[in-house]
Amino acid sequence: LLLGRQRHPLDDYRHRLRHRYLHGMAAWPLVRSGAAHMTQATRDPAQLMAQYPELFQASHIARLRTLALMLAAFGLFLFGCWYLEFSLDRLMTGLRHLGWVVMLMIPPDPGSSLPTYLVAMGETLSIAFLGTLLAALLALPVSLLAARNIIPSIFLRFPVRRFLDSIRGIDTLIWALVWINVVGLGPFAGVLAIATSDFGAFGKLFSEAIEGADRKQVEGIRASGGNKLHEIRFGLMPQVLPVLAGQILYFIESNTRSATIIGIVGAGGIGLQLAEQIRVLEWQKVSTLILMILIAVAVIDFISSRLRFAIIGRAGEART
């Protein structure tokens, strides 16, 4: 209502003063514009609620539906606890055992195995970096085939997207087990596992970034006589490359942890050393390996965040 108020035009010209604020005169009373004949029904909330009850009161069916959904979710939770044999006694016993294990981990002591652990940490970082880079290089051309603004035909685009979904639907650990049986134990299987898993994820993310690019630059290249390759090279790629670089840096950080996990099943790296020390109950060495992993992830996170900011800026980092 305050926004609807305005000064009557005759009040400003009654004393022949075009700019009243220059003369220090008090303002004339405000009048309502178009609201002089408002009815009491529109001003009384009780009458409005009586006139439009469907706008102020939720229907009984909607309330019953909400209550039924809440009860169904709670019932599903109880069934899951029963089916999975959830037990508070076992949980408390496990927590006491965990406290005992943590006490055995203190203080961390690598012993004479520190050079071996550093080499294994280097293998883990190499697996994460090479696997992510290989996945990005392979996914970039395939993502062009999955983008709607590059391939308008759904009959050509649909199989590519379903193929990427199929690759992405299998976890990295499963790919590691597959590649270990194909190429044998070692870091090479880990690189292939991360590259295969991230290939599907990069294909989806890259195609979405390409579809979200501004078409004005592409239209400008087309208007100047460029062909389809020129549109992609000079119209799309300059827009999406900073976003793709930010995504690749984030995946390198995430794959550092994934490389540790797949190392436990025999794909090399520090995960293999961690599994061996847990097997022989060398808890001080286990805590040393965990501390090394945490430090490596924190350093990579710091470096990747700085690089993402340098490449795409603060606004672009917030969007990604």
Protein backbone atom coordinates (compact mmCIF):
# COMPACT_ATOMS: atom_id res chain seq x y z
CA LEU A 1 0.00 0.00 0.00
CA LEU A 2 2.89 2.38 0.69
CA LEU A 3 4.16 1.85 -2.83
CA GLY A 4 0.71 2.70 -4.17
CA ARG A 5 0.66 6.07 -2.45
CA GLN A 6 1.55 9.14 -4.48
CA ARG A 7 1.25 12.88 -4.10
CA HIS A 8 -1.72 14.49 -5.73
CA PRO A 9 -0.45 16.63 -8.67
CA LEU A 10 -2.64 19.60 -7.73
CA ASP A 11 -0.96 19.85 -4.30
CA ASP A 12 2.39 20.70 -5.86
CA TYR A 13 1.00 23.48 -8.04
CA ARG A 14 -1.47 24.99 -5.58
CA HIS A 15 1.02 27.67 -4.49
CA ARG A 16 2.91 27.72 -7.80
CA LEU A 17 5.91 25.91 -6.34
CA ARG A 18 7.34 23.36 -8.77
CA HIS A 19 10.05 22.15 -6.40
CA ARG A 20 8.66 22.12 -2.88
CA TYR A 21 11.80 20.63 -1.30
CA LEU A 22 13.80 23.73 -2.29
CA HIS A 23 11.56 25.98 -0.19
CA GLY A 24 11.58 23.89 2.98
CA MET A 25 7.81 23.64 3.09
CA ALA A 26 6.08 20.76 4.78
CA ALA A 27 4.66 18.01 2.64
CA TRP A 28 0.97 17.99 1.92
CA PRO A 29 -1.12 15.04 3.05
CA LEU A 30 -0.76 11.96 0.90
CA VAL A 31 -3.72 10.56 -0.97
CA ARG A 32 -4.33 7.02 -2.17
CA SER A 33 -4.12 6.43 -5.86
CA GLY A 34 -6.93 4.17 -6.99
CA ALA A 35 -7.66 2.99 -3.43
CA ALA A 36 -10.29 5.50 -2.32
CA HIS A 37 -13.13 3.06 -2.91
CA MET A 38 -11.58 -0.02 -1.28
CA THR A 39 -14.19 -2.21 0.31
CA GLN A 40 -14.10 -3.38 3.88
CA ALA A 41 -14.06 -7.01 2.66
CA THR A 42 -10.65 -6.56 1.02
CA ARG A 43 -9.19 -4.96 4.14
CA ASP A 44 -10.50 -7.44 6.72
CA PRO A 45 -8.37 -10.63 6.94
CA ALA A 46 -11.23 -12.59 8.52
CA GLN A 47 -13.53 -11.85 5.63
CA LEU A 48 -10.78 -12.69 3.14
CA MET A 49 -10.26 -16.07 4.80
CA ALA A 50 -14.00 -16.69 4.71
CA GLN A 51 -14.24 -15.65 1.05
CA TYR A 52 -11.18 -17.66 -0.12
CA PRO A 53 -10.77 -20.59 2.27
CA GLU A 54 -8.81 -22.69 -0.24
CA LEU A 55 -5.99 -20.11 -0.21
CA PHE A 56 -5.60 -20.04 3.57
CA GLN A 57 -6.35 -23.59 4.65
CA ALA A 58 -4.71 -26.78 3.51
CA SER A 59 -7.10 -29.47 2.35
CA HIS A 60 -7.64 -32.54 4.49
CA ILE A 61 -6.43 -34.74 1.65
CA ALA A 62 -3.10 -32.91 1.50
CA ARG A 63 -2.66 -33.21 5.26
CA LEU A 64 -3.44 -36.92 5.21
CA ARG A 65 -1.04 -37.41 2.31
CA THR A 66 1.78 -35.67 4.18
CA LEU A 67 1.09 -37.67 7.34
CA ALA A 68 1.02 -40.94 5.37
CA LEU A 69 4.37 -40.16 3.74
CA MET A 70 5.97 -39.38 7.09
CA LEU A 71 4.63 -42.60 8.61
CA ALA A 72 5.79 -44.62 5.59
CA ALA A 73 9.30 -43.15 5.81
CA PHE A 74 9.48 -43.88 9.54
CA GLY A 75 8.21 -47.40 8.99
CA LEU A 76 10.80 -47.98 6.27
CA PHE A 77 13.50 -46.77 8.64
CA LEU A 78 12.38 -49.20 11.35
CA PHE A 79 12.22 -52.06 8.85
CA GLY A 80 15.75 -51.26 7.65
CA CYS A 81 17.08 -51.28 11.21
CA TRP A 82 15.43 -54.67 11.85
CA TYR A 83 16.48 -56.20 8.54
CA LEU A 84 20.10 -55.05 8.89
CA GLU A 85 20.22 -56.28 12.50
CA PHE A 86 20.95 -52.89 14.02
CA SER A 87 21.88 -53.27 17.67
CA LEU A 88 22.78 -50.61 20.22
CA ASP A 89 24.73 -53.16 22.27
CA ARG A 90 26.93 -54.02 19.32
CA LEU A 91 27.37 -50.33 18.54
CA MET A 92 28.53 -49.51 22.08
CA THR A 93 30.87 -52.50 22.11
CA GLY A 94 32.30 -51.40 18.76
CA LEU A 95 32.84 -47.85 20.01
CA ARG A 96 34.80 -49.14 23.00
CA HIS A 97 36.92 -51.27 20.69
CA LEU A 98 37.45 -48.25 18.42
CA GLY A 99 38.70 -46.20 21.36
CA TRP A 100 41.16 -48.96 22.21
CA VAL A 101 42.43 -49.00 18.59
CA VAL A 102 42.84 -45.21 18.59
CA MET A 103 44.91 -45.40 21.76
CA LEU A 104 47.17 -47.94 20.06
CA MET A 105 47.67 -45.55 17.12
CA ILE A 106 49.21 -42.85 19.30
CA PRO A 107 51.89 -41.71 18.67
CA PRO A 108 52.33 -42.26 14.90
CA ASP A 109 55.56 -44.08 14.18
CA PRO A 110 56.57 -45.08 10.63
CA GLY A 111 59.68 -46.88 11.85
CA SER A 112 62.11 -47.61 9.05
CA SER A 113 59.36 -47.74 6.40
CA LEU A 114 59.02 -43.98 5.82
CA PRO A 115 60.85 -44.00 2.43
CA THR A 116 58.58 -46.84 1.27
CA TYR A 117 55.51 -44.92 2.38
CA LEU A 118 56.65 -41.77 0.57
CA VAL A 119 57.11 -43.74 -2.66
CA ALA A 120 53.65 -45.25 -2.19
CA MET A 121 52.19 -41.77 -1.62
CA GLY A 122 53.81 -40.62 -4.86
CA GLU A 123 52.22 -43.59 -6.66
CA THR A 124 48.81 -42.63 -5.27
CA LEU A 125 49.15 -39.03 -6.47
CA SER A 126 50.35 -40.25 -9.87
CA ILE A 127 47.39 -42.61 -10.17
CA ALA A 128 44.95 -39.80 -9.36
CA PHE A 129 46.56 -37.30 -11.73
CA LEU A 130 47.09 -39.61 -14.71
CA GLY A 131 43.70 -41.28 -14.37
CA THR A 132 41.88 -37.94 -14.21
CA LEU A 133 43.84 -36.47 -17.12
CA LEU A 134 43.28 -39.54 -19.30
CA ALA A 135 39.54 -39.52 -18.52
CA ALA A 136 39.25 -35.82 -19.40
CA LEU A 137 41.08 -36.22 -22.72
CA LEU A 138 38.87 -39.14 -23.73
CA ALA A 139 35.62 -37.58 -22.50
CA LEU A 140 35.99 -34.20 -24.24
CA PRO A 141 35.30 -35.37 -27.83
CA VAL A 142 32.56 -37.75 -26.66
CA SER A 143 30.87 -34.96 -24.70
CA LEU A 144 30.49 -33.00 -27.92
CA LEU A 145 28.42 -35.86 -29.30
CA ALA A 146 26.21 -35.79 -26.19
CA ALA A 147 25.53 -32.02 -26.28
CA ARG A 148 22.19 -30.88 -27.60
CA ASN A 149 23.53 -27.76 -29.31
CA ILE A 150 26.14 -29.83 -31.18
CA ILE A 151 24.06 -32.89 -32.09
CA PRO A 152 20.41 -31.80 -32.38
CA SER A 153 19.19 -35.28 -33.38
CA ILE A 154 18.02 -37.26 -30.37
CA PHE A 155 18.58 -40.53 -32.24
CA LEU A 156 22.32 -39.80 -32.36
CA ARG A 157 22.59 -38.16 -28.97
CA PHE A 158 20.56 -40.68 -26.93
CA PRO A 159 22.90 -43.71 -27.35
CA VAL A 160 25.94 -41.61 -26.43
CA ARG A 161 24.31 -40.37 -23.24
CA ARG A 162 23.14 -43.84 -22.24
CA PHE A 163 26.66 -45.14 -22.84
CA LEU A 164 28.09 -42.48 -20.52
CA ASP A 165 25.45 -43.30 -17.92
CA SER A 166 26.37 -46.99 -18.08
CA ILE A 167 30.06 -46.24 -17.53
CA ARG A 168 29.31 -43.80 -14.71
CA GLY A 169 26.96 -46.22 -12.97
CA ILE A 170 29.80 -48.61 -12.04
CA ASP A 171 31.88 -47.62 -9.04
CA THR A 172 35.63 -47.04 -9.21
CA LEU A 173 36.30 -49.95 -6.87
CA ILE A 174 34.51 -52.37 -9.20
CA TRP A 175 36.47 -51.06 -12.17
CA ALA A 176 39.65 -51.58 -10.15
CA LEU A 177 38.75 -55.23 -9.56
CA VAL A 178 38.01 -55.65 -13.27
CA TRP A 179 41.26 -54.08 -14.46
CA ILE A 180 43.32 -56.00 -11.88
CA ASN A 181 42.08 -59.21 -13.47
CA VAL A 182 42.82 -57.82 -16.95
CA VAL A 183 46.27 -56.21 -16.57
CA GLY A 184 47.38 -57.55 -13.20
CA LEU A 185 48.22 -55.93 -9.87
CA GLY A 186 49.89 -52.55 -9.69
CA PRO A 187 49.33 -48.83 -10.26
CA PHE A 188 48.56 -49.29 -13.97
CA ALA A 189 45.29 -51.00 -13.04
CA GLY A 190 44.52 -48.09 -10.73
CA VAL A 191 45.06 -45.53 -13.49
CA LEU A 192 42.75 -47.45 -15.81
CA ALA A 193 40.10 -47.82 -13.09
CA ILE A 194 39.99 -44.10 -12.33
CA ALA A 195 40.10 -43.18 -16.02
CA THR A 196 37.19 -45.50 -16.82
CA SER A 197 35.05 -44.34 -13.92
CA ASP A 198 35.68 -40.63 -14.50
CA PHE A 199 35.16 -40.97 -18.24
CA GLY A 200 31.40 -41.26 -17.75
CA ALA A 201 31.27 -38.47 -15.17
CA PHE A 202 33.34 -36.09 -17.30
CA GLY A 203 31.24 -36.88 -20.36
CA LYS A 204 28.07 -35.82 -18.56
CA LEU A 205 29.58 -32.71 -16.93
CA PHE A 206 31.33 -31.55 -20.10
CA SER A 207 28.20 -31.99 -22.23
CA GLU A 208 26.13 -29.97 -19.74
CA ALA A 209 28.75 -27.20 -19.74
CA ILE A 210 28.73 -27.13 -23.55
CA GLU A 211 24.93 -26.96 -23.64
CA GLY A 212 24.97 -24.02 -21.22
CA ALA A 213 27.33 -21.94 -23.38
CA ASP A 214 26.15 -18.66 -24.88
CA ARG A 215 25.03 -19.02 -28.49
CA LYS A 216 25.78 -15.43 -29.46
CA GLN A 217 29.46 -16.14 -30.03
CA VAL A 218 28.59 -19.21 -32.10
CA GLU A 219 26.17 -17.19 -34.18
CA GLY A 220 28.85 -14.54 -34.70
CA ILE A 221 31.29 -17.16 -36.03
CA ARG A 222 28.58 -18.54 -38.31
CA ALA A 223 27.67 -15.06 -39.59
CA SER A 224 31.30 -14.39 -40.47
CA GLY A 225 31.41 -17.49 -42.68
CA GLY A 226 32.82 -20.09 -40.27
CA ASN A 227 31.91 -23.75 -40.51
CA LYS A 228 30.83 -26.11 -37.73
CA LEU A 229 34.39 -26.81 -36.57
CA HIS A 230 35.09 -23.08 -36.38
CA GLU A 231 31.98 -22.61 -34.26
CA ILE A 232 33.16 -25.26 -31.80
CA ARG A 233 36.79 -24.12 -31.76
CA PHE A 234 36.29 -20.35 -31.54
CA GLY A 235 32.71 -20.05 -30.26
CA LEU A 236 32.23 -22.81 -27.68
CA MET A 237 35.64 -23.86 -26.43
CA PRO A 238 36.78 -20.43 -25.13
CA GLN A 239 33.62 -20.30 -23.02
CA VAL A 240 33.66 -23.80 -21.54
CA LEU A 241 37.39 -24.49 -21.12
CA PRO A 242 37.70 -22.55 -17.82
CA VAL A 243 34.72 -24.44 -16.41
CA LEU A 244 36.13 -27.76 -17.58
CA ALA A 245 39.50 -26.95 -16.04
CA GLY A 246 37.85 -26.25 -12.69
CA GLN A 247 36.02 -29.57 -12.81
CA ILE A 248 39.21 -31.44 -13.66
CA LEU A 249 41.04 -29.88 -10.72
CA TYR A 250 38.23 -30.86 -8.38
CA PHE A 251 38.30 -34.46 -9.64
CA ILE A 252 42.06 -34.67 -9.10
CA GLU A 253 41.48 -33.82 -5.45
CA SER A 254 38.65 -36.33 -5.15
CA ASN A 255 40.53 -39.08 -6.96
CA THR A 256 43.38 -38.83 -4.47
CA ARG A 257 41.06 -40.42 -1.94
CA SER A 258 39.71 -42.87 -4.53
CA ALA A 259 43.25 -43.96 -5.41
CA THR A 260 43.80 -44.81 -1.75
CA ILE A 261 40.69 -47.00 -1.69
CA ILE A 262 41.44 -48.92 -4.87
CA GLY A 263 45.00 -49.47 -3.62
CA ILE A 264 43.56 -51.65 -0.87
CA VAL A 265 42.32 -54.18 -3.45
CA GLY A 266 45.74 -54.33 -5.14
CA ALA A 267 45.83 -51.33 -7.49
CA GLY A 268 49.04 -49.98 -5.97
CA GLY A 269 49.75 -46.81 -4.06
CA ILE A 270 49.52 -46.09 -0.37
CA GLY A 271 46.27 -48.01 -0.04
CA LEU A 272 48.15 -51.27 -0.50
CA GLN A 273 50.55 -50.34 2.32
CA LEU A 274 47.61 -49.34 4.50
CA ALA A 275 45.87 -52.68 3.99
CA GLU A 276 49.03 -54.61 4.81
CA GLN A 277 49.65 -52.70 8.06
CA ILE A 278 46.04 -53.15 9.17
CA ARG A 279 46.33 -56.87 8.46
CA VAL A 280 49.37 -57.22 10.74
CA LEU A 281 47.90 -54.86 13.41
CA GLU A 282 50.69 -52.27 13.19
CA TRP A 283 48.47 -49.44 14.38
CA GLN A 284 51.20 -46.83 14.78
CA LYS A 285 52.18 -47.29 11.15
CA VAL A 286 48.49 -47.19 10.19
CA SER A 287 48.12 -43.81 11.90
CA THR A 288 51.21 -42.58 10.05
CA LEU A 289 49.71 -43.58 6.71
CA ILE A 290 46.37 -41.97 7.56
CA LEU A 291 48.16 -38.76 8.58
CA MET A 292 50.07 -38.74 5.28
CA ILE A 293 46.81 -39.15 3.33
CA LEU A 294 45.15 -36.30 5.23
CA ILE A 295 48.10 -33.96 4.64
CA ALA A 296 48.23 -34.83 0.93
CA VAL A 297 44.49 -34.23 0.48
CA ALA A 298 44.68 -30.90 2.36
CA VAL A 299 47.61 -29.69 0.23
CA ILE A 300 45.94 -30.73 -3.01
CA ASP A 301 42.71 -29.05 -1.92
CA PHE A 302 44.55 -25.80 -1.22
CA ILE A 303 46.45 -25.86 -4.53
CA SER A 304 43.39 -26.82 -6.61
CA SER A 305 41.25 -24.09 -5.02
CA ARG A 306 43.92 -21.51 -5.84
CA LEU A 307 44.20 -22.76 -9.39
CA ARG A 308 40.42 -22.79 -9.87
CA PHE A 309 40.23 -19.21 -8.65
CA ALA A 310 43.07 -18.18 -10.96
CA ILE A 311 41.40 -19.85 -13.97
CA ILE A 312 37.72 -19.05 -13.60
CA GLY A 313 37.60 -16.36 -10.91
CA ARG A 314 35.46 -16.11 -7.78
CA ALA A 315 32.13 -15.88 -9.63
CA GLY A 316 32.86 -18.86 -11.82
CA GLU A 317 34.06 -20.88 -8.81
CA ALA A 318 30.78 -20.24 -7.06
CA ARG A 319 28.82 -21.47 -10.11
CA THR A 320 30.83 -24.70 -10.39
